[in-house]
């Protein structure tokens, strides 16, 4: 694993990281969360994956993530997902 960029955002209690990691195929969000959490010695609940980008024909993927100090800080800062309205017929 190679860290390309790491910025500590003190105001939002998180680290904004970009890293490169080699996988056999696209790792998916859950695997990427686990890898980032293991590297920063935290739980996957404190990690938000923004994107996983791979080049054609390569096995190296760029992972953009945010690592929060705690799960409570993540709940405060990250936007909530919207709930879809049910359409009544």
N, C-alpha and C. Protein backbone atom coordinates (compact mmCIF):
# COMPACT_ATOMS: atom_id res chain seq x y z
N UNK A 1 0.85 -1.17 0.00
CA UNK A 1 0.00 0.00 0.00
C UNK A 1 0.90 1.23 0.00
N UNK A 2 0.54 2.19 -0.88
CA UNK A 2 1.31 3.42 -1.00
C UNK A 2 0.37 4.60 -0.77
N UNK A 3 0.70 5.45 0.19
CA UNK A 3 -0.12 6.62 0.49
C UNK A 3 0.34 7.76 -0.42
N UNK A 4 -0.61 8.28 -1.22
CA UNK A 4 -0.31 9.38 -2.12
C UNK A 4 -0.49 10.72 -1.42
N UNK A 5 -1.61 10.86 -0.71
CA UNK A 5 -1.89 12.12 -0.01
C UNK A 5 -2.60 11.81 1.30
N UNK A 6 -2.26 12.58 2.32
CA UNK A 6 -2.92 12.45 3.62
C UNK A 6 -3.01 13.84 4.25
N UNK A 7 -4.23 14.30 4.47
CA UNK A 7 -4.46 15.62 5.05
C UNK A 7 -5.25 15.43 6.33
N UNK A 8 -4.77 16.02 7.41
CA UNK A 8 -5.46 15.97 8.70
C UNK A 8 -6.37 17.18 8.79
N UNK A 9 -7.68 16.95 8.86
CA UNK A 9 -8.67 18.01 8.98
C UNK A 9 -9.09 18.06 10.45
N UNK A 10 -8.49 18.96 11.20
CA UNK A 10 -8.72 19.04 12.64
C UNK A 10 -10.14 19.50 12.96
N UNK A 11 -10.65 20.42 12.17
CA UNK A 11 -11.98 20.96 12.43
C UNK A 11 -13.07 19.89 12.33
N UNK A 12 -12.94 18.97 11.36
CA UNK A 12 -13.94 17.92 11.16
C UNK A 12 -13.53 16.58 11.79
N UNK A 13 -12.41 16.54 12.50
CA UNK A 13 -11.94 15.34 13.21
C UNK A 13 -11.77 14.15 12.27
N UNK A 14 -11.05 14.37 11.15
CA UNK A 14 -10.85 13.28 10.21
C UNK A 14 -9.55 13.46 9.44
N UNK A 15 -9.13 12.35 8.79
CA UNK A 15 -8.01 12.37 7.86
C UNK A 15 -8.59 12.10 6.48
N UNK A 16 -8.18 12.90 5.51
CA UNK A 16 -8.60 12.71 4.13
C UNK A 16 -7.41 12.09 3.40
N UNK A 17 -7.58 10.85 2.92
CA UNK A 17 -6.45 10.11 2.37
C UNK A 17 -6.74 9.64 0.95
N UNK A 18 -5.66 9.54 0.17
CA UNK A 18 -5.68 8.91 -1.15
C UNK A 18 -4.54 7.91 -1.13
N UNK A 19 -4.84 6.67 -1.44
CA UNK A 19 -3.80 5.64 -1.42
C UNK A 19 -3.95 4.70 -2.60
N UNK A 20 -2.85 4.03 -2.93
CA UNK A 20 -2.81 3.05 -4.02
C UNK A 20 -2.59 1.66 -3.40
N UNK A 21 -3.34 0.70 -3.88
CA UNK A 21 -3.23 -0.67 -3.38
C UNK A 21 -3.46 -1.62 -4.53
N UNK A 22 -2.76 -2.73 -4.54
CA UNK A 22 -2.89 -3.72 -5.60
C UNK A 22 -3.87 -4.80 -5.16
N UNK A 23 -4.85 -5.08 -6.03
CA UNK A 23 -5.84 -6.13 -5.82
C UNK A 23 -5.93 -6.95 -7.10
N UNK A 24 -6.46 -8.15 -7.00
CA UNK A 24 -6.65 -8.99 -8.18
C UNK A 24 -7.77 -8.43 -9.05
N UNK A 25 -8.87 -8.02 -8.41
CA UNK A 25 -9.99 -7.40 -9.12
C UNK A 25 -10.49 -6.23 -8.28
N UNK A 26 -11.52 -5.54 -8.76
CA UNK A 26 -12.06 -4.39 -8.04
C UNK A 26 -12.43 -4.82 -6.62
N UNK A 27 -11.88 -4.15 -5.59
CA UNK A 27 -12.08 -4.62 -4.22
C UNK A 27 -13.48 -4.41 -3.65
N UNK A 28 -14.21 -3.43 -4.12
CA UNK A 28 -15.51 -3.16 -3.54
C UNK A 28 -15.36 -2.31 -2.30
N UNK A 29 -16.45 -1.70 -1.89
CA UNK A 29 -16.41 -0.73 -0.79
C UNK A 29 -16.10 -1.41 0.54
N UNK A 30 -16.69 -2.57 0.81
CA UNK A 30 -16.47 -3.22 2.10
C UNK A 30 -15.01 -3.67 2.28
N UNK A 31 -14.41 -4.21 1.23
CA UNK A 31 -13.00 -4.63 1.30
C UNK A 31 -12.09 -3.42 1.44
N UNK A 32 -12.39 -2.35 0.71
CA UNK A 32 -11.58 -1.14 0.79
C UNK A 32 -11.66 -0.52 2.19
N UNK A 33 -12.86 -0.52 2.79
CA UNK A 33 -13.01 -0.02 4.16
C UNK A 33 -12.15 -0.82 5.12
N UNK A 34 -12.16 -2.14 4.96
CA UNK A 34 -11.39 -3.01 5.85
C UNK A 34 -9.89 -2.74 5.71
N UNK A 35 -9.40 -2.57 4.49
CA UNK A 35 -7.98 -2.33 4.25
C UNK A 35 -7.55 -1.00 4.86
N UNK A 36 -8.34 0.05 4.65
CA UNK A 36 -8.01 1.37 5.19
C UNK A 36 -8.09 1.35 6.71
N UNK A 37 -9.10 0.69 7.26
CA UNK A 37 -9.24 0.61 8.72
C UNK A 37 -8.06 -0.13 9.36
N UNK A 38 -7.61 -1.21 8.74
CA UNK A 38 -6.45 -1.94 9.27
C UNK A 38 -5.20 -1.08 9.23
N UNK A 39 -5.01 -0.32 8.17
CA UNK A 39 -3.82 0.51 8.04
C UNK A 39 -3.80 1.62 9.08
N UNK A 40 -4.94 2.24 9.35
CA UNK A 40 -5.01 3.33 10.32
C UNK A 40 -5.41 2.87 11.72
N UNK A 41 -5.48 1.58 11.94
CA UNK A 41 -5.77 0.98 13.25
C UNK A 41 -7.06 1.53 13.86
N UNK A 42 -8.14 1.41 13.10
CA UNK A 42 -9.46 1.85 13.53
C UNK A 42 -10.48 0.84 13.06
N UNK A 43 -11.74 1.10 13.30
CA UNK A 43 -12.80 0.19 12.87
C UNK A 43 -13.35 0.64 11.52
N UNK A 44 -13.92 -0.29 10.75
CA UNK A 44 -14.51 0.09 9.45
C UNK A 44 -15.68 1.06 9.57
N UNK A 45 -16.31 1.15 10.74
CA UNK A 45 -17.41 2.10 10.93
C UNK A 45 -16.93 3.55 10.90
N UNK A 46 -15.64 3.78 11.12
CA UNK A 46 -15.08 5.13 11.12
C UNK A 46 -14.51 5.54 9.77
N UNK A 47 -14.70 4.71 8.74
CA UNK A 47 -14.14 4.97 7.42
C UNK A 47 -15.26 5.19 6.41
N UNK A 48 -15.10 6.23 5.57
CA UNK A 48 -16.02 6.50 4.48
C UNK A 48 -15.21 6.44 3.19
N UNK A 49 -15.64 5.59 2.25
CA UNK A 49 -14.96 5.46 0.96
C UNK A 49 -15.65 6.40 -0.02
N UNK A 50 -14.87 7.30 -0.62
CA UNK A 50 -15.40 8.23 -1.60
C UNK A 50 -15.33 7.67 -3.01
N UNK A 51 -14.29 6.88 -3.30
CA UNK A 51 -14.17 6.34 -4.64
C UNK A 51 -13.07 5.30 -4.74
N UNK A 52 -13.27 4.38 -5.68
CA UNK A 52 -12.27 3.36 -6.00
C UNK A 52 -12.07 3.45 -7.50
N UNK A 53 -10.85 3.79 -7.92
CA UNK A 53 -10.58 3.99 -9.33
C UNK A 53 -9.45 3.06 -9.78
N UNK A 54 -9.67 2.38 -10.89
CA UNK A 54 -8.66 1.50 -11.45
C UNK A 54 -8.46 1.81 -12.91
N UNK A 55 -7.26 1.55 -13.39
CA UNK A 55 -6.96 1.76 -14.79
C UNK A 55 -7.20 0.49 -15.58
N UNK A 56 -7.47 0.64 -16.86
CA UNK A 56 -7.73 -0.52 -17.70
C UNK A 56 -6.45 -1.36 -17.83
N UNK A 57 -6.57 -2.64 -17.53
CA UNK A 57 -5.44 -3.56 -17.67
C UNK A 57 -4.46 -3.56 -16.52
N UNK A 58 -4.75 -2.86 -15.44
CA UNK A 58 -3.85 -2.85 -14.29
C UNK A 58 -4.57 -3.44 -13.08
N UNK A 59 -3.80 -3.84 -12.11
CA UNK A 59 -4.38 -4.38 -10.88
C UNK A 59 -4.17 -3.42 -9.70
N UNK A 60 -3.75 -2.19 -10.00
CA UNK A 60 -3.53 -1.19 -8.96
C UNK A 60 -4.74 -0.25 -8.93
N UNK A 61 -5.29 -0.05 -7.75
CA UNK A 61 -6.48 0.77 -7.58
C UNK A 61 -6.17 1.95 -6.67
N UNK A 62 -6.75 3.10 -7.00
CA UNK A 62 -6.63 4.30 -6.18
C UNK A 62 -7.88 4.40 -5.33
N UNK A 63 -7.70 4.48 -4.02
CA UNK A 63 -8.82 4.55 -3.07
C UNK A 63 -8.79 5.92 -2.40
N UNK A 64 -9.92 6.62 -2.48
CA UNK A 64 -10.09 7.90 -1.80
C UNK A 64 -11.00 7.66 -0.60
N UNK A 65 -10.55 8.07 0.58
CA UNK A 65 -11.31 7.77 1.79
C UNK A 65 -11.17 8.89 2.82
N UNK A 66 -12.12 8.87 3.76
CA UNK A 66 -12.07 9.73 4.94
C UNK A 66 -12.05 8.83 6.17
N UNK A 67 -11.10 9.07 7.06
CA UNK A 67 -10.97 8.28 8.29
C UNK A 67 -11.28 9.20 9.46
N UNK A 68 -12.38 8.94 10.14
CA UNK A 68 -12.81 9.76 11.26
C UNK A 68 -12.20 9.25 12.57
N UNK A 69 -12.10 10.16 13.55
CA UNK A 69 -11.56 9.79 14.86
C UNK A 69 -12.49 8.83 15.60
N UNK A 70 -13.81 8.98 15.41
CA UNK A 70 -14.77 8.09 16.06
C UNK A 70 -16.02 8.01 15.20
N UNK A 71 -16.85 7.01 15.48
CA UNK A 71 -18.10 6.83 14.75
C UNK A 71 -19.08 7.96 15.04
N UNK A 72 -19.01 8.52 16.24
CA UNK A 72 -19.90 9.63 16.59
C UNK A 72 -19.59 10.86 15.75
N UNK A 73 -18.31 11.15 15.54
CA UNK A 73 -17.92 12.28 14.70
C UNK A 73 -18.36 12.07 13.26
N UNK A 74 -18.31 10.83 12.78
CA UNK A 74 -18.77 10.52 11.43
C UNK A 74 -20.26 10.80 11.29
N UNK A 75 -21.05 10.42 12.28
CA UNK A 75 -22.50 10.64 12.24
C UNK A 75 -22.84 12.13 12.23
N UNK A 76 -22.04 12.94 12.90
CA UNK A 76 -22.30 14.37 12.97
C UNK A 76 -21.96 15.05 11.64
N UNK A 77 -20.84 14.68 11.04
CA UNK A 77 -20.31 15.41 9.88
C UNK A 77 -20.89 14.93 8.55
N UNK A 78 -20.95 13.62 8.34
CA UNK A 78 -21.37 13.09 7.04
C UNK A 78 -22.86 13.33 6.79
N UNK A 79 -23.23 13.64 5.54
CA UNK A 79 -24.65 13.85 5.24
C UNK A 79 -25.44 12.54 5.34
N UNK A 80 -26.66 12.66 5.76
CA UNK A 80 -27.53 11.49 5.89
C UNK A 80 -28.06 11.10 4.52
N UNK A 81 -28.28 9.82 4.31
CA UNK A 81 -28.85 9.38 3.04
C UNK A 81 -30.34 9.68 3.02
N UNK A 82 -30.83 10.07 1.85
CA UNK A 82 -32.23 10.42 1.74
C UNK A 82 -33.08 9.17 1.61
N UNK A 83 -34.26 9.20 2.20
CA UNK A 83 -35.19 8.09 2.12
C UNK A 83 -36.14 8.35 0.97
N UNK A 84 -36.30 7.36 0.10
CA UNK A 84 -37.20 7.52 -1.04
C UNK A 84 -38.64 7.50 -0.57
N UNK A 85 -39.44 8.33 -1.21
CA UNK A 85 -40.86 8.38 -0.88
C UNK A 85 -41.56 7.22 -1.59
N UNK A 86 -42.53 6.66 -0.91
CA UNK A 86 -43.33 5.62 -1.53
C UNK A 86 -44.42 6.25 -2.36
N UNK A 87 -44.60 5.73 -3.55
CA UNK A 87 -45.62 6.27 -4.45
C UNK A 87 -46.89 5.48 -4.21
N UNK A 88 -47.96 6.18 -3.84
CA UNK A 88 -49.22 5.50 -3.63
C UNK A 88 -50.02 5.51 -4.92
N UNK A 89 -50.61 4.38 -5.23
CA UNK A 89 -51.34 4.27 -6.48
C UNK A 89 -52.83 4.35 -6.26
